[in-house]
């Protein structure tokens, strides 16, 4: 059974003030890691007592376009089918290493390489930008996002072609199609200029 990193909803409420995309530094990750634990995924899913920590990586190219992925019906998370995601991410597992703030980046790189072909040689470092505390939908209430930005000069393509499609898209086009975006992606897109990508 897969083990996933969680914090209690009570701890999340105590540490995170406000909703939406909350700009903060790595000290917030340290505080979350200090009160987090691993649980079997089936105990965490749909359980209002826990929030699953999810690294959410937005990949940006040299033209400031964002890599957008369309989730297909073959993906396991049925609540996100046919939605467009501007972030790549997934659960944090014990195999991602010691329980410290750097576990977020390690899990993020693992997820990136599982889902996308992205060249590490042509990419910068993952930059932590803040937390996504979105209580607007059932799926987002189960999770707590850790937003990271990856700037790349290289080619990017989808590895899991049976689960999603993807391409770089301009901010202008994305803003015209916000209804297709999942909720976390909407929050990230609205903060795009503020994030100074």
C-alpha atoms as a PDB file:
ATOM      1  CA  UNK A   1       0.000   0.000   0.000  1.00  0.00           C
ATOM      2  CA  UNK A   2       1.358   3.410  -1.004  1.00  0.00           C
ATOM      3  CA  UNK A   3       2.323   5.694   1.886  1.00  0.00           C
ATOM      4  CA  UNK A   4       1.746   9.429   1.342  1.00  0.00           C
ATOM      5  CA  UNK A   5       2.895  12.489   3.266  1.00  0.00           C
ATOM      6  CA  UNK A   6       0.115  14.334   5.118  1.00  0.00           C
ATOM      7  CA  UNK A   7      -0.460  16.967   7.742  1.00  0.00           C
ATOM      8  CA  UNK A   8      -3.532  17.054   9.924  1.00  0.00           C
ATOM      9  CA  UNK A   9      -6.179  19.533   8.861  1.00  0.00           C
ATOM     10  CA  UNK A  10      -5.841  21.119  12.294  1.00  0.00           C
ATOM     11  CA  UNK A  11      -2.090  21.649  11.857  1.00  0.00           C
ATOM     12  CA  UNK A  12      -2.623  23.060   8.358  1.00  0.00           C
ATOM     13  CA  UNK A  13      -5.216  25.506   9.674  1.00  0.00           C
ATOM     14  CA  UNK A  14      -2.856  26.614  12.448  1.00  0.00           C
ATOM     15  CA  UNK A  15       0.133  27.118  10.136  1.00  0.00           C
ATOM     16  CA  UNK A  16      -1.551  28.558   7.043  1.00  0.00           C
ATOM     17  CA  UNK A  17      -3.467  31.790   7.225  1.00  0.00           C
ATOM     18  CA  UNK A  18      -5.793  32.442   4.326  1.00  0.00           C
ATOM     19  CA  UNK A  19      -6.842  30.637   1.170  1.00  0.00           C
ATOM     20  CA  UNK A  20      -5.639  30.579  -2.418  1.00  0.00           C
ATOM     21  CA  UNK A  21      -2.007  30.916  -3.452  1.00  0.00           C
ATOM     22  CA  UNK A  22      -0.126  32.021  -0.351  1.00  0.00           C
ATOM     23  CA  UNK A  23       3.320  33.488  -0.988  1.00  0.00           C
ATOM     24  CA  UNK A  24       5.784  32.217   1.621  1.00  0.00           C
ATOM     25  CA  UNK A  25       9.334  31.006   2.016  1.00  0.00           C
ATOM     26  CA  UNK A  26      10.963  27.709   2.828  1.00  0.00           C
ATOM     27  CA  UNK A  27      10.448  28.282   6.555  1.00  0.00           C
ATOM     28  CA  UNK A  28       6.808  27.385   5.906  1.00  0.00           C
ATOM     29  CA  UNK A  29       7.896  24.085   4.361  1.00  0.00           C
ATOM     30  CA  UNK A  30      10.046  23.404   7.404  1.00  0.00           C
ATOM     31  CA  UNK A  31       7.083  24.055   9.702  1.00  0.00           C
ATOM     32  CA  UNK A  32       4.857  21.719   7.678  1.00  0.00           C
ATOM     33  CA  UNK A  33       7.502  18.978   7.571  1.00  0.00           C
ATOM     34  CA  UNK A  34       7.874  19.212  11.348  1.00  0.00           C
ATOM     35  CA  UNK A  35       4.226  18.201  11.852  1.00  0.00           C
ATOM     36  CA  UNK A  36       3.802  15.839   8.875  1.00  0.00           C
ATOM     37  CA  UNK A  37       3.596  12.058   8.810  1.00  0.00           C
ATOM     38  CA  UNK A  38       3.158   9.214   6.347  1.00  0.00           C
ATOM     39  CA  UNK A  39      -0.188   7.439   6.098  1.00  0.00           C
ATOM     40  CA  UNK A  40      -1.521   4.721   3.800  1.00  0.00           C
ATOM     41  CA  UNK A  41      -3.048   6.524   0.837  1.00  0.00           C
ATOM     42  CA  UNK A  42      -6.454   4.905   1.282  1.00  0.00           C
ATOM     43  CA  UNK A  43      -6.616   6.322   4.826  1.00  0.00           C
ATOM     44  CA  UNK A  44      -5.750   9.807   3.593  1.00  0.00           C
ATOM     45  CA  UNK A  45      -8.008  10.036   0.514  1.00  0.00           C
ATOM     46  CA  UNK A  46     -11.306  11.730   1.239  1.00  0.00           C
ATOM     47  CA  UNK A  47     -10.458  11.994   4.937  1.00  0.00           C
ATOM     48  CA  UNK A  48     -11.291  15.498   6.236  1.00  0.00           C
ATOM     49  CA  UNK A  49      -8.818  15.090   9.117  1.00  0.00           C
ATOM     50  CA  UNK A  50      -5.784  15.121   6.793  1.00  0.00           C
ATOM     51  CA  UNK A  51      -4.345  17.192   3.939  1.00  0.00           C
ATOM     52  CA  UNK A  52      -1.959  15.442   1.532  1.00  0.00           C
ATOM     53  CA  UNK A  53       1.146  17.481   0.645  1.00  0.00           C
ATOM     54  CA  UNK A  54       1.606  17.717  -3.124  1.00  0.00           C
ATOM     55  CA  UNK A  55       4.544  19.321  -4.968  1.00  0.00           C
ATOM     56  CA  UNK A  56       3.024  21.202  -7.938  1.00  0.00           C
ATOM     57  CA  UNK A  57       5.591  22.185 -10.573  1.00  0.00           C
ATOM     58  CA  UNK A  58       4.818  24.791 -13.243  1.00  0.00           C
ATOM     59  CA  UNK A  59       7.239  24.466 -16.175  1.00  0.00           C
ATOM     60  CA  UNK A  60       7.973  27.713 -18.042  1.00  0.00           C
ATOM     61  CA  UNK A  61       9.987  28.111 -21.258  1.00  0.00           C
ATOM     62  CA  UNK A  62      12.224  30.936 -22.512  1.00  0.00           C
ATOM     63  CA  UNK A  63       9.187  32.708 -24.033  1.00  0.00           C
ATOM     64  CA  UNK A  64       7.352  32.657 -20.649  1.00  0.00           C
ATOM     65  CA  UNK A  65       4.885  30.100 -21.973  1.00  0.00           C
ATOM     66  CA  UNK A  66       3.546  27.535 -19.508  1.00  0.00           C
ATOM     67  CA  UNK A  67       3.501  23.803 -20.190  1.00  0.00           C
ATOM     68  CA  UNK A  68      -0.194  22.877 -20.019  1.00  0.00           C
ATOM     69  CA  UNK A  69      -1.376  19.276 -19.667  1.00  0.00           C
ATOM     70  CA  UNK A  70      -4.820  17.908 -20.507  1.00  0.00           C
ATOM     71  CA  UNK A  71      -5.769  15.044 -18.194  1.00  0.00           C
ATOM     72  CA  UNK A  72      -7.322  12.109 -20.058  1.00  0.00           C
ATOM     73  CA  UNK A  73     -10.000   9.715 -18.785  1.00  0.00           C
ATOM     74  CA  UNK A  74      -7.340   7.033 -18.217  1.00  0.00           C
ATOM     75  CA  UNK A  75      -5.889   8.928 -15.220  1.00  0.00           C
ATOM     76  CA  UNK A  76      -6.734   7.561 -11.779  1.00  0.00           C
ATOM     77  CA  UNK A  77      -8.078  10.832 -10.322  1.00  0.00           C
ATOM     78  CA  UNK A  78     -11.522  10.848 -11.949  1.00  0.00           C
ATOM     79  CA  UNK A  79     -12.390  14.258 -10.481  1.00  0.00           C
ATOM     80  CA  UNK A  80      -9.793  15.878 -12.770  1.00  0.00           C
ATOM     81  CA  UNK A  81     -10.607  14.179 -16.080  1.00  0.00           C
ATOM     82  CA  UNK A  82     -10.655  16.555 -19.099  1.00  0.00           C
ATOM     83  CA  UNK A  83      -9.278  19.394 -16.992  1.00  0.00           C
ATOM     84  CA  UNK A  84      -6.181  21.332 -18.018  1.00  0.00           C
ATOM     85  CA  UNK A  85      -3.372  21.444 -15.493  1.00  0.00           C
ATOM     86  CA  UNK A  86      -0.539  23.970 -15.490  1.00  0.00           C
ATOM     87  CA  UNK A  87       1.317  21.967 -12.849  1.00  0.00           C
ATOM     88  CA  UNK A  88       2.863  18.533 -12.647  1.00  0.00           C
ATOM     89  CA  UNK A  89       2.912  16.804  -9.307  1.00  0.00           C
ATOM     90  CA  UNK A  90       1.903  13.955  -7.104  1.00  0.00           C
ATOM     91  CA  UNK A  91       2.174  12.431  -3.682  1.00  0.00           C
ATOM     92  CA  UNK A  92       5.298  12.443  -1.547  1.00  0.00           C
ATOM     93  CA  UNK A  93       6.425   8.943  -0.536  1.00  0.00           C
ATOM     94  CA  UNK A  94       8.927   7.613   2.037  1.00  0.00           C
ATOM     95  CA  UNK A  95      11.282   6.714  -0.848  1.00  0.00           C
ATOM     96  CA  UNK A  96      11.720  10.460  -1.496  1.00  0.00           C
ATOM     97  CA  UNK A  97      14.167  10.583   1.417  1.00  0.00           C
ATOM     98  CA  UNK A  98      14.467  12.186   4.845  1.00  0.00           C
ATOM     99  CA  UNK A  99      11.503  14.158   6.142  1.00  0.00           C
ATOM    100  CA  UNK A 100      12.895  17.680   5.682  1.00  0.00           C
ATOM    101  CA  UNK A 101      11.962  20.625   3.433  1.00  0.00           C
ATOM    102  CA  UNK A 102      14.117  19.240   0.588  1.00  0.00           C
ATOM    103  CA  UNK A 103      11.789  16.235   0.344  1.00  0.00           C
ATOM    104  CA  UNK A 104       9.395  18.517  -1.574  1.00  0.00           C
ATOM    105  CA  UNK A 105      11.961  19.153  -4.337  1.00  0.00           C
ATOM    106  CA  UNK A 106      13.053  15.520  -4.460  1.00  0.00           C
ATOM    107  CA  UNK A 107       9.450  14.366  -4.865  1.00  0.00           C
ATOM    108  CA  UNK A 108       8.864  17.117  -7.446  1.00  0.00           C
ATOM    109  CA  UNK A 109      11.811  15.980  -9.605  1.00  0.00           C
ATOM    110  CA  UNK A 110      10.658  12.360  -9.339  1.00  0.00           C
ATOM    111  CA  UNK A 111       7.150  13.300 -10.470  1.00  0.00           C
ATOM    112  CA  UNK A 112       8.488  15.486 -13.278  1.00  0.00           C
ATOM    113  CA  UNK A 113      10.586  12.634 -14.654  1.00  0.00           C
ATOM    114  CA  UNK A 114       7.696  10.179 -14.301  1.00  0.00           C
ATOM    115  CA  UNK A 115       5.249  12.390 -16.195  1.00  0.00           C
ATOM    116  CA  UNK A 116       7.381  14.452 -18.595  1.00  0.00           C
ATOM    117  CA  UNK A 117      10.505  14.330 -20.711  1.00  0.00           C
ATOM    118  CA  UNK A 118      12.385  17.382 -19.435  1.00  0.00           C
ATOM    119  CA  UNK A 119      16.107  17.973 -19.753  1.00  0.00           C
ATOM    120  CA  UNK A 120      17.814  18.710 -16.436  1.00  0.00           C
ATOM    121  CA  UNK A 121      20.836  20.092 -18.343  1.00  0.00           C
ATOM    122  CA  UNK A 122      18.693  22.780 -20.004  1.00  0.00           C
ATOM    123  CA  UNK A 123      16.671  23.639 -16.911  1.00  0.00           C
ATOM    124  CA  UNK A 124      17.212  25.776 -13.854  1.00  0.00           C
ATOM    125  CA  UNK A 125      16.608  24.921 -10.230  1.00  0.00           C
ATOM    126  CA  UNK A 126      13.171  24.310  -8.805  1.00  0.00           C
ATOM    127  CA  UNK A 127      12.075  27.527  -7.081  1.00  0.00           C
ATOM    128  CA  UNK A 128       9.538  27.303  -4.250  1.00  0.00           C
ATOM    129  CA  UNK A 129       6.943  30.085  -4.579  1.00  0.00           C
ATOM    130  CA  UNK A 130       4.304  29.340  -1.979  1.00  0.00           C
ATOM    131  CA  UNK A 131       1.469  27.122  -0.822  1.00  0.00           C
ATOM    132  CA  UNK A 132      -1.811  26.412  -2.572  1.00  0.00           C
ATOM    133  CA  UNK A 133      -4.562  26.264   0.055  1.00  0.00           C
ATOM    134  CA  UNK A 134      -7.692  25.782  -2.012  1.00  0.00           C
ATOM    135  CA  UNK A 135     -10.859  24.726  -0.204  1.00  0.00           C
ATOM    136  CA  UNK A 136     -13.196  25.300  -3.151  1.00  0.00           C
ATOM    137  CA  UNK A 137     -13.550  21.711  -4.421  1.00  0.00           C
ATOM    138  CA  UNK A 138     -13.561  18.223  -2.852  1.00  0.00           C
ATOM    139  CA  UNK A 139     -10.292  17.216  -4.539  1.00  0.00           C
ATOM    140  CA  UNK A 140      -8.478  20.408  -3.540  1.00  0.00           C
ATOM    141  CA  UNK A 141      -9.679  20.114   0.075  1.00  0.00           C
ATOM    142  CA  UNK A 142      -7.915  16.740   0.299  1.00  0.00           C
ATOM    143  CA  UNK A 143      -4.585  18.266  -0.736  1.00  0.00           C
ATOM    144  CA  UNK A 144      -2.194  21.089   0.092  1.00  0.00           C
ATOM    145  CA  UNK A 145      -0.063  22.268  -2.821  1.00  0.00           C
ATOM    146  CA  UNK A 146       3.579  23.292  -2.690  1.00  0.00           C
ATOM    147  CA  UNK A 147       4.077  25.478  -5.771  1.00  0.00           C
ATOM    148  CA  UNK A 148       7.445  25.257  -7.512  1.00  0.00           C
ATOM    149  CA  UNK A 149       8.546  26.886 -10.769  1.00  0.00           C
ATOM    150  CA  UNK A 150      10.971  25.284 -13.229  1.00  0.00           C
ATOM    151  CA  UNK A 151      12.367  27.450 -16.025  1.00  0.00           C
ATOM    152  CA  UNK A 152      13.689  25.483 -18.974  1.00  0.00           C
ATOM    153  CA  UNK A 153      15.456  26.235 -22.232  1.00  0.00           C
ATOM    154  CA  UNK A 154      14.945  22.707 -23.564  1.00  0.00           C
ATOM    155  CA  UNK A 155      12.192  20.653 -25.123  1.00  0.00           C
ATOM    156  CA  UNK A 156       9.438  19.277 -22.913  1.00  0.00           C
ATOM    157  CA  UNK A 157       6.986  16.523 -23.805  1.00  0.00           C
ATOM    158  CA  UNK A 158       4.563  14.205 -22.055  1.00  0.00           C
ATOM    159  CA  UNK A 159       5.960  10.835 -21.041  1.00  0.00           C
ATOM    160  CA  UNK A 160       2.639   9.283 -20.003  1.00  0.00           C
ATOM    161  CA  UNK A 161       0.882   9.781 -23.338  1.00  0.00           C
ATOM    162  CA  UNK A 162      -1.867   7.377 -22.316  1.00  0.00           C
ATOM    163  CA  UNK A 163      -2.784   9.659 -19.393  1.00  0.00           C
ATOM    164  CA  UNK A 164      -2.365  13.185 -20.739  1.00  0.00           C
ATOM    165  CA  UNK A 165      -1.366  15.461 -23.580  1.00  0.00           C
ATOM    166  CA  UNK A 166       0.736  18.598 -23.214  1.00  0.00           C
ATOM    167  CA  UNK A 167       2.212  21.653 -24.910  1.00  0.00           C
ATOM    168  CA  UNK A 168       3.561  25.133 -24.107  1.00  0.00           C
ATOM    169  CA  UNK A 169       0.786  27.735 -24.155  1.00  0.00           C
ATOM    170  CA  UNK A 170       0.935  31.513 -23.783  1.00  0.00           C
ATOM    171  CA  UNK A 171      -0.549  33.297 -20.790  1.00  0.00           C
ATOM    172  CA  UNK A 172      -2.919  35.166 -23.114  1.00  0.00           C
ATOM    173  CA  UNK A 173      -4.429  31.944 -24.503  1.00  0.00           C
ATOM    174  CA  UNK A 174      -4.709  30.404 -21.047  1.00  0.00           C
ATOM    175  CA  UNK A 175      -6.510  33.472 -19.681  1.00  0.00           C
ATOM    176  CA  UNK A 176      -9.119  33.087 -22.446  1.00  0.00           C
ATOM    177  CA  UNK A 177      -9.689  29.453 -21.486  1.00  0.00           C
ATOM    178  CA  UNK A 178      -9.720  29.602 -17.688  1.00  0.00           C
ATOM    179  CA  UNK A 179     -12.945  27.571 -17.488  1.00  0.00           C
ATOM    180  CA  UNK A 180     -10.990  24.524 -18.661  1.00  0.00           C
ATOM    181  CA  UNK A 181      -8.338  24.850 -15.960  1.00  0.00           C
ATOM    182  CA  UNK A 182      -8.380  22.905 -12.720  1.00  0.00           C
ATOM    183  CA  UNK A 183      -8.698  25.093  -9.627  1.00  0.00           C
ATOM    184  CA  UNK A 184      -5.002  25.108  -8.652  1.00  0.00           C
ATOM    185  CA  UNK A 185      -4.057  26.111 -12.182  1.00  0.00           C
ATOM    186  CA  UNK A 186      -6.486  29.023 -12.070  1.00  0.00           C
ATOM    187  CA  UNK A 187      -4.840  30.288  -8.890  1.00  0.00           C
ATOM    188  CA  UNK A 188      -1.364  29.965 -10.411  1.00  0.00           C
ATOM    189  CA  UNK A 189      -2.349  31.657 -13.661  1.00  0.00           C
ATOM    190  CA  UNK A 190      -3.884  34.639 -11.867  1.00  0.00           C
ATOM    191  CA  UNK A 191      -0.604  35.062  -9.982  1.00  0.00           C
ATOM    192  CA  UNK A 192       1.570  34.575 -13.075  1.00  0.00           C
ATOM    193  CA  UNK A 193       2.794  38.166 -13.349  1.00  0.00           C
ATOM    194  CA  UNK A 194       3.245  38.527  -9.600  1.00  0.00           C
ATOM    195  CA  UNK A 195       5.445  35.418  -9.584  1.00  0.00           C
ATOM    196  CA  UNK A 196       7.793  37.189 -12.049  1.00  0.00           C
ATOM    197  CA  UNK A 197       8.349  34.134 -14.198  1.00  0.00           C
END
